[in-house]
C-alpha atoms as a PDB file:
ATOM      1  CA  UNK A   1     -33.428  71.898   5.058  1.00  0.00           C
ATOM      2  CA  UNK A   2     -35.755  74.569   3.685  1.00  0.00           C
ATOM      3  CA  UNK A   3     -38.758  73.003   5.502  1.00  0.00           C
ATOM      4  CA  UNK A   4     -36.878  72.763   8.702  1.00  0.00           C
ATOM      5  CA  UNK A   5     -35.819  76.466   8.500  1.00  0.00           C
ATOM      6  CA  UNK A   6     -39.349  77.469   7.623  1.00  0.00           C
ATOM      7  CA  UNK A   7     -40.657  75.540  10.665  1.00  0.00           C
ATOM      8  CA  UNK A   8     -38.077  77.179  12.941  1.00  0.00           C
ATOM      9  CA  UNK A   9     -38.952  80.586  11.546  1.00  0.00           C
ATOM     10  CA  UNK A  10     -42.632  79.847  11.992  1.00  0.00           C
ATOM     11  CA  UNK A  11     -42.179  78.757  15.587  1.00  0.00           C
ATOM     12  CA  UNK A  12     -40.182  81.871  16.362  1.00  0.00           C
ATOM     13  CA  UNK A  13     -42.842  84.057  14.661  1.00  0.00           C
ATOM     14  CA  UNK A  14     -45.646  82.491  16.602  1.00  0.00           C
ATOM     15  CA  UNK A  15     -43.853  83.020  19.869  1.00  0.00           C
ATOM     16  CA  UNK A  16     -43.208  86.647  19.018  1.00  0.00           C
ATOM     17  CA  UNK A  17     -46.851  87.159  18.090  1.00  0.00           C
ATOM     18  CA  UNK A  18     -47.986  85.482  21.343  1.00  0.00           C
ATOM     19  CA  UNK A  19     -45.788  87.849  23.385  1.00  0.00           C
ATOM     20  CA  UNK A  20     -46.753  90.927  21.377  1.00  0.00           C
ATOM     21  CA  UNK A  21     -50.579  90.388  21.572  1.00  0.00           C
ATOM     22  CA  UNK A  22     -52.655  91.091  24.518  1.00  0.00           C
ATOM     23  CA  UNK A  23     -56.111  90.180  23.246  1.00  0.00           C
ATOM     24  CA  UNK A  24     -56.936  86.384  23.195  1.00  0.00           C
ATOM     25  CA  UNK A  25     -59.116  86.912  20.093  1.00  0.00           C
ATOM     26  CA  UNK A  26     -56.352  88.668  18.285  1.00  0.00           C
ATOM     27  CA  UNK A  27     -53.940  85.880  19.282  1.00  0.00           C
ATOM     28  CA  UNK A  28     -56.328  83.219  17.971  1.00  0.00           C
ATOM     29  CA  UNK A  29     -56.875  85.093  14.743  1.00  0.00           C
ATOM     30  CA  UNK A  30     -53.169  85.572  14.166  1.00  0.00           C
ATOM     31  CA  UNK A  31     -52.396  81.988  14.917  1.00  0.00           C
ATOM     32  CA  UNK A  32     -55.061  80.942  12.431  1.00  0.00           C
ATOM     33  CA  UNK A  33     -53.426  83.151   9.847  1.00  0.00           C
ATOM     34  CA  UNK A  34     -50.071  81.648  10.589  1.00  0.00           C
ATOM     35  CA  UNK A  35     -51.418  78.081  10.329  1.00  0.00           C
ATOM     36  CA  UNK A  36     -53.042  78.883   7.004  1.00  0.00           C
ATOM     37  CA  UNK A  37     -49.847  80.512   5.760  1.00  0.00           C
ATOM     38  CA  UNK A  38     -47.607  77.639   6.733  1.00  0.00           C
ATOM     39  CA  UNK A  39     -50.057  75.010   5.417  1.00  0.00           C
ATOM     40  CA  UNK A  40     -50.074  76.822   2.102  1.00  0.00           C
ATOM     41  CA  UNK A  41     -46.354  77.070   2.265  1.00  0.00           C
ATOM     42  CA  UNK A  42     -45.969  73.382   3.088  1.00  0.00           C
ATOM     43  CA  UNK A  43     -48.301  72.461   0.237  1.00  0.00           C
ATOM     44  CA  UNK A  44     -46.211  74.584  -2.170  1.00  0.00           C
ATOM     45  CA  UNK A  45     -43.015  73.039  -0.940  1.00  0.00           C
ATOM     46  CA  UNK A  46     -44.469  69.517  -1.241  1.00  0.00           C
ATOM     47  CA  UNK A  47     -45.649  70.357  -4.719  1.00  0.00           C
ATOM     48  CA  UNK A  48     -42.187  71.730  -5.594  1.00  0.00           C
ATOM     49  CA  UNK A  49     -40.602  68.568  -4.241  1.00  0.00           C
ATOM     50  CA  UNK A  50     -42.983  66.383  -6.257  1.00  0.00           C
ATOM     51  CA  UNK A  51     -42.181  68.470  -9.283  1.00  0.00           C
ATOM     52  CA  UNK A  52     -38.467  67.935  -8.687  1.00  0.00           C
ATOM     53  CA  UNK A  53     -38.935  64.251  -8.259  1.00  0.00           C
ATOM     54  CA  UNK A  54     -41.014  64.124 -11.484  1.00  0.00           C
ATOM     55  CA  UNK A  55     -38.273  66.113 -13.264  1.00  0.00           C
ATOM     56  CA  UNK A  56     -35.630  63.768 -12.074  1.00  0.00           C
ATOM     57  CA  UNK A  57     -37.754  60.805 -13.166  1.00  0.00           C
ATOM     58  CA  UNK A  58     -38.341  62.469 -16.498  1.00  0.00           C
ATOM     59  CA  UNK A  59     -34.595  63.207 -16.869  1.00  0.00           C
ATOM     60  CA  UNK A  60     -33.803  59.527 -16.238  1.00  0.00           C
ATOM     61  CA  UNK A  61     -36.437  58.479 -18.775  1.00  0.00           C
ATOM     62  CA  UNK A  62     -34.992  60.847 -21.271  1.00  0.00           C
ATOM     63  CA  UNK A  63     -31.465  59.484 -20.569  1.00  0.00           C
ATOM     64  CA  UNK A  64     -32.773  55.912 -20.981  1.00  0.00           C
ATOM     65  CA  UNK A  65     -34.603  56.848 -24.195  1.00  0.00           C
ATOM     66  CA  UNK A  66     -31.401  58.515 -25.542  1.00  0.00           C
ATOM     67  CA  UNK A  67     -29.381  55.418 -24.692  1.00  0.00           C
ATOM     68  CA  UNK A  68     -31.938  53.259 -26.412  1.00  0.00           C
ATOM     69  CA  UNK A  69     -31.932  55.515 -29.433  1.00  0.00           C
ATOM     70  CA  UNK A  70     -28.119  55.446 -29.599  1.00  0.00           C
ATOM     71  CA  UNK A  71     -28.267  51.611 -29.391  1.00  0.00           C
ATOM     72  CA  UNK A  72     -30.846  51.517 -32.154  1.00  0.00           C
ATOM     73  CA  UNK A  73     -28.770  53.929 -34.246  1.00  0.00           C
ATOM     74  CA  UNK A  74     -25.699  51.751 -33.763  1.00  0.00           C
ATOM     75  CA  UNK A  75     -27.695  48.672 -34.706  1.00  0.00           C
ATOM     76  CA  UNK A  76     -29.094  50.445 -37.742  1.00  0.00           C
ATOM     77  CA  UNK A  77     -25.611  51.580 -38.770  1.00  0.00           C
ATOM     78  CA  UNK A  78     -24.363  47.979 -38.445  1.00  0.00           C
ATOM     79  CA  UNK A  79     -27.277  46.675 -40.481  1.00  0.00           C
ATOM     80  CA  UNK A  80     -26.590  49.335 -43.132  1.00  0.00           C
ATOM     81  CA  UNK A  81     -22.961  48.183 -43.286  1.00  0.00           C
ATOM     82  CA  UNK A  82     -24.022  44.581 -43.636  1.00  0.00           C
ATOM     83  CA  UNK A  83     -26.518  45.569 -46.326  1.00  0.00           C
ATOM     84  CA  UNK A  84     -23.746  47.530 -48.154  1.00  0.00           C
ATOM     85  CA  UNK A  85     -21.419  44.554 -47.960  1.00  0.00           C
ATOM     86  CA  UNK A  86     -24.139  42.229 -49.118  1.00  0.00           C
ATOM     87  CA  UNK A  87     -24.966  44.497 -52.026  1.00  0.00           C
ATOM     88  CA  UNK A  88     -21.321  44.737 -52.942  1.00  0.00           C
ATOM     89  CA  UNK A  89     -20.952  40.977 -52.774  1.00  0.00           C
ATOM     90  CA  UNK A  90     -24.009  40.656 -55.000  1.00  0.00           C
ATOM     91  CA  UNK A  91     -22.649  43.129 -57.511  1.00  0.00           C
ATOM     92  CA  UNK A  92     -19.360  41.294 -57.590  1.00  0.00           C
ATOM     93  CA  UNK A  93     -21.204  37.973 -58.114  1.00  0.00           C
ATOM     94  CA  UNK A  94     -23.286  39.532 -60.926  1.00  0.00           C
ATOM     95  CA  UNK A  95     -20.097  40.922 -62.502  1.00  0.00           C
ATOM     96  CA  UNK A  96     -18.411  37.460 -62.264  1.00  0.00           C
ATOM     97  CA  UNK A  97     -21.496  35.828 -63.734  1.00  0.00           C
ATOM     98  CA  UNK A  98     -21.557  38.290 -66.643  1.00  0.00           C
ATOM     99  CA  UNK A  99     -17.871  37.755 -67.162  1.00  0.00           C
ATOM    100  CA  UNK A 100     -18.410  34.027 -67.063  1.00  0.00           C
ATOM    101  CA  UNK A 101     -21.284  34.285 -69.564  1.00  0.00           C
ATOM    102  CA  UNK A 102     -19.227  36.347 -71.820  1.00  0.00           C
ATOM    103  CA  UNK A 103     -16.327  33.931 -71.458  1.00  0.00           C
ATOM    104  CA  UNK A 104     -18.608  30.995 -72.193  1.00  0.00           C
ATOM    105  CA  UNK A 105     -19.963  32.790 -75.193  1.00  0.00           C
ATOM    106  CA  UNK A 106     -16.442  33.437 -76.532  1.00  0.00           C
ATOM    107  CA  UNK A 107     -15.473  29.828 -75.756  1.00  0.00           C
ATOM    108  CA  UNK A 108     -18.601  28.586 -77.612  1.00  0.00           C
ATOM    109  CA  UNK A 109     -17.698  30.740 -80.673  1.00  0.00           C
ATOM    110  CA  UNK A 110     -14.131  29.410 -80.599  1.00  0.00           C
ATOM    111  CA  UNK A 111     -15.288  25.802 -80.297  1.00  0.00           C
ATOM    112  CA  UNK A 112     -17.763  26.302 -83.136  1.00  0.00           C
ATOM    113  CA  UNK A 113     -15.003  27.865 -85.299  1.00  0.00           C
ATOM    114  CA  UNK A 114     -12.622  25.039 -84.532  1.00  0.00           C
ATOM    115  CA  UNK A 115     -15.258  22.413 -85.277  1.00  0.00           C
ATOM    116  CA  UNK A 116     -15.993  24.175 -88.557  1.00  0.00           C
ATOM    117  CA  UNK A 117     -12.297  24.132 -89.466  1.00  0.00           C
ATOM    118  CA  UNK A 118     -12.046  20.471 -88.702  1.00  0.00           C
ATOM    119  CA  UNK A 119     -15.089  19.736 -90.888  1.00  0.00           C
ATOM    120  CA  UNK A 120     -13.672  21.807 -93.717  1.00  0.00           C
ATOM    121  CA  UNK A 121     -10.454  19.919 -93.475  1.00  0.00           C
ATOM    122  CA  UNK A 122     -12.237  16.537 -93.580  1.00  0.00           C
ATOM    123  CA  UNK A 123     -14.263  17.629 -96.537  1.00  0.00           C
ATOM    124  CA  UNK A 124     -11.122  18.678 -98.365  1.00  0.00           C
ATOM    125  CA  UNK A 125      -9.517  15.327 -97.526  1.00  0.00           C
ATOM    126  CA  UNK A 126     -12.524  13.440 -98.798  1.00  0.00           C
ATOM    127  CA  UNK A 127     -12.470  15.341-102.040  1.00  0.00           C
ATOM    128  CA  UNK A 128      -8.751  14.746-102.463  1.00  0.00           C
ATOM    129  CA  UNK A 129      -8.931  11.045-101.528  1.00  0.00           C
ATOM    130  CA  UNK A 130     -12.004   9.934-103.350  1.00  0.00           C
ATOM    131  CA  UNK A 131     -11.410   6.252-103.922  1.00  0.00           C
ATOM    132  CA  UNK A 132      -8.798   4.849-101.573  1.00  0.00           C
ATOM    133  CA  UNK A 133      -8.224   1.268-102.691  1.00  0.00           C
ATOM    134  CA  UNK A 134      -7.790  -1.122 -99.763  1.00  0.00           C
ATOM    135  CA  UNK A 135      -5.472  -4.072-100.523  1.00  0.00           C
ATOM    136  CA  UNK A 136      -7.255  -7.392-100.949  1.00  0.00           C
ATOM    137  CA  UNK A 137      -5.395  -8.983 -98.031  1.00  0.00           C
ATOM    138  CA  UNK A 138      -6.808  -6.439 -95.513  1.00  0.00           C
ATOM    139  CA  UNK A 139     -10.164  -6.605 -93.831  1.00  0.00           C
ATOM    140  CA  UNK A 140     -12.571  -3.814 -94.766  1.00  0.00           C
ATOM    141  CA  UNK A 141     -13.255  -1.304 -91.962  1.00  0.00           C
ATOM    142  CA  UNK A 142     -16.980  -2.095 -91.863  1.00  0.00           C
ATOM    143  CA  UNK A 143     -16.296  -5.727 -91.337  1.00  0.00           C
ATOM    144  CA  UNK A 144     -14.123  -5.029 -88.266  1.00  0.00           C
ATOM    145  CA  UNK A 145     -16.887  -3.192 -86.426  1.00  0.00           C
ATOM    146  CA  UNK A 146     -16.795  -3.688 -82.637  1.00  0.00           C
ATOM    147  CA  UNK A 147     -13.596  -5.740 -83.059  1.00  0.00           C
ATOM    148  CA  UNK A 148     -10.946  -2.995 -83.380  1.00  0.00           C
ATOM    149  CA  UNK A 149      -8.630  -2.083 -80.492  1.00  0.00           C
ATOM    150  CA  UNK A 150      -8.816   1.284 -78.721  1.00  0.00           C
ATOM    151  CA  UNK A 151      -5.860   3.569 -79.693  1.00  0.00           C
ATOM    152  CA  UNK A 152      -4.701   3.931 -76.058  1.00  0.00           C
ATOM    153  CA  UNK A 153      -5.640   2.061 -72.894  1.00  0.00           C
ATOM    154  CA  UNK A 154      -7.719   3.894 -70.232  1.00  0.00           C
ATOM    155  CA  UNK A 155     -11.155   5.106 -69.261  1.00  0.00           C
ATOM    156  CA  UNK A 156     -12.780   7.857 -71.254  1.00  0.00           C
ATOM    157  CA  UNK A 157     -13.352  11.179 -69.419  1.00  0.00           C
ATOM    158  CA  UNK A 158     -15.735  12.400 -72.038  1.00  0.00           C
ATOM    159  CA  UNK A 159     -17.820  10.123 -74.339  1.00  0.00           C
ATOM    160  CA  UNK A 160     -19.474  10.504 -77.718  1.00  0.00           C
ATOM    161  CA  UNK A 161     -22.654  12.635 -77.366  1.00  0.00           C
ATOM    162  CA  UNK A 162     -21.882  13.963 -73.930  1.00  0.00           C
ATOM    163  CA  UNK A 163     -22.770  17.605 -73.463  1.00  0.00           C
ATOM    164  CA  UNK A 164     -20.071  20.292 -73.450  1.00  0.00           C
ATOM    165  CA  UNK A 165     -20.092  24.030 -73.009  1.00  0.00           C
ATOM    166  CA  UNK A 166     -23.267  23.895 -70.852  1.00  0.00           C
ATOM    167  CA  UNK A 167     -25.170  21.739 -73.286  1.00  0.00           C
ATOM    168  CA  UNK A 168     -24.757  24.039 -76.260  1.00  0.00           C
ATOM    169  CA  UNK A 169     -22.417  21.470 -78.025  1.00  0.00           C
ATOM    170  CA  UNK A 170     -21.832  17.752 -77.823  1.00  0.00           C
ATOM    171  CA  UNK A 171     -18.678  15.706 -77.953  1.00  0.00           C
ATOM    172  CA  UNK A 172     -18.187  14.133 -81.375  1.00  0.00           C
ATOM    173  CA  UNK A 173     -15.610  11.687 -80.070  1.00  0.00           C
ATOM    174  CA  UNK A 174     -14.054  10.372 -76.825  1.00  0.00           C
ATOM    175  CA  UNK A 175     -11.266  11.819 -74.654  1.00  0.00           C
ATOM    176  CA  UNK A 176      -9.059   9.248 -72.963  1.00  0.00           C
ATOM    177  CA  UNK A 177      -6.598  10.526 -70.386  1.00  0.00           C
ATOM    178  CA  UNK A 178      -3.168   8.853 -70.456  1.00  0.00           C
ATOM    179  CA  UNK A 179       0.360   9.628 -69.363  1.00  0.00           C
ATOM    180  CA  UNK A 180       2.311  11.905 -71.682  1.00  0.00           C
ATOM    181  CA  UNK A 181       4.364   9.927 -74.194  1.00  0.00           C
ATOM    182  CA  UNK A 182       2.024   6.887 -74.185  1.00  0.00           C
ATOM    183  CA  UNK A 183       1.999   5.328 -77.699  1.00  0.00           C
ATOM    184  CA  UNK A 184      -1.088   6.037 -79.758  1.00  0.00           C
ATOM    185  CA  UNK A 185      -1.897   3.167 -82.094  1.00  0.00           C
ATOM    186  CA  UNK A 186      -3.910   2.949 -85.295  1.00  0.00           C
ATOM    187  CA  UNK A 187      -7.219   1.153 -84.809  1.00  0.00           C
ATOM    188  CA  UNK A 188      -7.236  -0.314 -88.334  1.00  0.00           C
ATOM    189  CA  UNK A 189      -5.356  -0.543 -91.602  1.00  0.00           C
ATOM    190  CA  UNK A 190      -5.249   2.714 -93.603  1.00  0.00           C
ATOM    191  CA  UNK A 191      -3.245   5.565 -95.012  1.00  0.00           C
ATOM    192  CA  UNK A 192      -2.246   8.755 -93.185  1.00  0.00           C
ATOM    193  CA  UNK A 193      -3.939  11.681 -94.941  1.00  0.00           C
ATOM    194  CA  UNK A 194      -3.210  14.405 -92.367  1.00  0.00           C
ATOM    195  CA  UNK A 195      -0.353  14.855 -89.887  1.00  0.00           C
ATOM    196  CA  UNK A 196       0.015  18.450 -88.725  1.00  0.00           C
ATOM    197  CA  UNK A 197      -1.201  21.090 -86.263  1.00  0.00           C
ATOM    198  CA  UNK A 198      -4.870  22.159 -86.282  1.00  0.00           C
ATOM    199  CA  UNK A 199      -6.314  24.902 -84.043  1.00  0.00           C
ATOM    200  CA  UNK A 200      -8.221  23.351 -81.131  1.00  0.00           C
ATOM    201  CA  UNK A 201      -6.892  19.907 -81.954  1.00  0.00           C
ATOM    202  CA  UNK A 202      -3.160  20.445 -81.465  1.00  0.00           C
ATOM    203  CA  UNK A 203      -1.038  17.846 -83.268  1.00  0.00           C
ATOM    204  CA  UNK A 204      -3.587  15.859 -85.279  1.00  0.00           C
ATOM    205  CA  UNK A 205      -3.253  12.701 -87.264  1.00  0.00           C
ATOM    206  CA  UNK A 206      -5.976  11.420 -89.574  1.00  0.00           C
ATOM    207  CA  UNK A 207      -6.125   7.965 -91.166  1.00  0.00           C
ATOM    208  CA  UNK A 208      -8.331   7.142 -94.112  1.00  0.00           C
ATOM    209  CA  UNK A 209      -9.581   3.523 -93.960  1.00  0.00           C
ATOM    210  CA  UNK A 210     -11.412   3.453 -97.203  1.00  0.00           C
ATOM    211  CA  UNK A 211     -15.116   3.214 -97.893  1.00  0.00           C
ATOM    212  CA  UNK A 212     -15.575   6.685 -96.505  1.00  0.00           C
ATOM    213  CA  UNK A 213     -14.300   5.841 -92.982  1.00  0.00           C
ATOM    214  CA  UNK A 214     -11.605   7.857 -91.207  1.00  0.00           C
ATOM    215  CA  UNK A 215     -10.193   7.927 -87.642  1.00  0.00           C
ATOM    216  CA  UNK A 216      -8.778  11.034 -85.971  1.00  0.00           C
ATOM    217  CA  UNK A 217      -6.160  11.251 -83.181  1.00  0.00           C
ATOM    218  CA  UNK A 218      -5.731  14.709 -81.571  1.00  0.00           C
ATOM    219  CA  UNK A 219      -3.747  16.602 -78.889  1.00  0.00           C
ATOM    220  CA  UNK A 220      -0.656  14.479 -79.492  1.00  0.00           C
ATOM    221  CA  UNK A 221       2.781  15.155 -78.130  1.00  0.00           C
ATOM    222  CA  UNK A 222       4.559  13.844 -81.249  1.00  0.00           C
ATOM    223  CA  UNK A 223       3.482  12.492 -84.618  1.00  0.00           C
ATOM    224  CA  UNK A 224       5.240   9.334 -85.723  1.00  0.00           C
ATOM    225  CA  UNK A 225       3.867   9.021 -89.200  1.00  0.00           C
ATOM    226  CA  UNK A 226       3.747  11.255 -92.246  1.00  0.00           C
ATOM    227  CA  UNK A 227       1.099  11.959 -94.893  1.00  0.00           C
ATOM    228  CA  UNK A 228       0.941   9.161 -97.494  1.00  0.00           C
ATOM    229  CA  UNK A 229       2.231   6.383 -95.207  1.00  0.00           C
ATOM    230  CA  UNK A 230       0.263   3.165 -94.839  1.00  0.00           C
ATOM    231  CA  UNK A 231      -0.243   1.769 -91.365  1.00  0.00           C
ATOM    232  CA  UNK A 232      -1.685  -1.381 -89.903  1.00  0.00           C
ATOM    233  CA  UNK A 233      -3.812  -1.939 -86.778  1.00  0.00           C
ATOM    234  CA  UNK A 234      -1.859  -1.549 -83.544  1.00  0.00           C
ATOM    235  CA  UNK A 235       0.911   0.400 -85.304  1.00  0.00           C
ATOM    236  CA  UNK A 236       2.263   3.324 -83.218  1.00  0.00           C
ATOM    237  CA  UNK A 237       1.304   6.578 -84.999  1.00  0.00           C
ATOM    238  CA  UNK A 238       1.797   9.256 -82.276  1.00  0.00           C
ATOM    239  CA  UNK A 239       2.345   9.802 -78.557  1.00  0.00           C
ATOM    240  CA  UNK A 240      -0.128  11.165 -76.057  1.00  0.00           C
ATOM    241  CA  UNK A 241       0.297  14.873 -75.118  1.00  0.00           C
ATOM    242  CA  UNK A 242      -1.600  18.014 -74.251  1.00  0.00           C
ATOM    243  CA  UNK A 243      -1.170  20.076 -77.390  1.00  0.00           C
ATOM    244  CA  UNK A 244      -3.930  22.347 -78.475  1.00  0.00           C
ATOM    245  CA  UNK A 245      -4.829  23.648 -75.028  1.00  0.00           C
ATOM    246  CA  UNK A 246      -5.523  20.534 -72.873  1.00  0.00           C
ATOM    247  CA  UNK A 247      -5.035  20.904 -69.096  1.00  0.00           C
ATOM    248  CA  UNK A 248      -3.701  17.366 -68.845  1.00  0.00           C
ATOM    249  CA  UNK A 249      -2.304  14.776 -71.281  1.00  0.00           C
ATOM    250  CA  UNK A 250      -5.035  12.854 -73.090  1.00  0.00           C
ATOM    251  CA  UNK A 251      -5.961  11.505 -76.506  1.00  0.00           C
ATOM    252  CA  UNK A 252      -9.043  12.873 -78.272  1.00  0.00           C
ATOM    253  CA  UNK A 253     -10.276  10.222 -80.700  1.00  0.00           C
ATOM    254  CA  UNK A 254     -12.998  10.290 -83.369  1.00  0.00           C
ATOM    255  CA  UNK A 255     -14.396   7.970 -85.997  1.00  0.00           C
ATOM    256  CA  UNK A 256     -15.989   9.522 -89.113  1.00  0.00           C
ATOM    257  CA  UNK A 257     -18.248   7.927 -91.641  1.00  0.00           C
ATOM    258  CA  UNK A 258     -18.478   9.925 -94.889  1.00  0.00           C
ATOM    259  CA  UNK A 259     -17.430  12.967 -92.904  1.00  0.00           C
ATOM    260  CA  UNK A 260     -19.958  12.582 -90.134  1.00  0.00           C
ATOM    261  CA  UNK A 261     -18.928  11.673 -86.560  1.00  0.00           C
ATOM    262  CA  UNK A 262     -20.071   8.259 -85.307  1.00  0.00           C
ATOM    263  CA  UNK A 263     -19.731   6.694 -81.900  1.00  0.00           C
ATOM    264  CA  UNK A 264     -16.265   5.051 -81.544  1.00  0.00           C
ATOM    265  CA  UNK A 265     -17.590   2.683 -78.894  1.00  0.00           C
ATOM    266  CA  UNK A 266     -19.562   0.908 -81.685  1.00  0.00           C
ATOM    267  CA  UNK A 267     -16.365   0.236 -83.596  1.00  0.00           C
ATOM    268  CA  UNK A 268     -13.742  -0.550 -80.892  1.00  0.00           C
ATOM    269  CA  UNK A 269     -13.754  -3.546 -78.510  1.00  0.00           C
ATOM    270  CA  UNK A 270     -15.454  -2.964 -75.135  1.00  0.00           C
END
């Protein structure tokens, strides 16, 4: 619009000059001035238009750059949130791990204390029952090796020597899951020397078989024999339970030789 107006004004100015001048030389000179002026004006207007176009292009580039920066900022904020969540998850995992380690440490100490109490009990029993005389009509415990029945039927869930508490301890007997109330039977002739509650073992019954051999039956639901009673092989002495902290009913069974645990599988029938 401005160029058109300038052109119209220029045309009108040239006409006025032509009519106002009488000398051809003057007219030619004035026309040259007008052409120079309008050429310069057109160049200025073209330059201005180019500047406007460049500004508009720059404005669009700035807008695009701002949009890209906003997108990057949103992406960065999202990544920071993901990182914060991951860090929180890691901290929670570390806290759980530390708690688990502390719990395992406490569990280990408790198991060691319970094992020590059991050993002290067995030592006391061995001192109290030094020479248990086995009747002549009964087979010695040693002679019945690998021939004795298991105290309950079933498959062992933990065996003698298996690791427990992440390898820091080992099982000194076998655990045989069985329905609650299942009869627990003596594996050999002997005399009941302990029938009571013991921490970590629940209701525990111990039979002395003479010659330094004992069998232990733990986590019972009920005890059917009392201290001092004589029992024979296959005689019911207790019932399976979950006393002493088991999560399911099972019998924990040990064989001891002079107070030391030995593998029950070497003494009972396979």
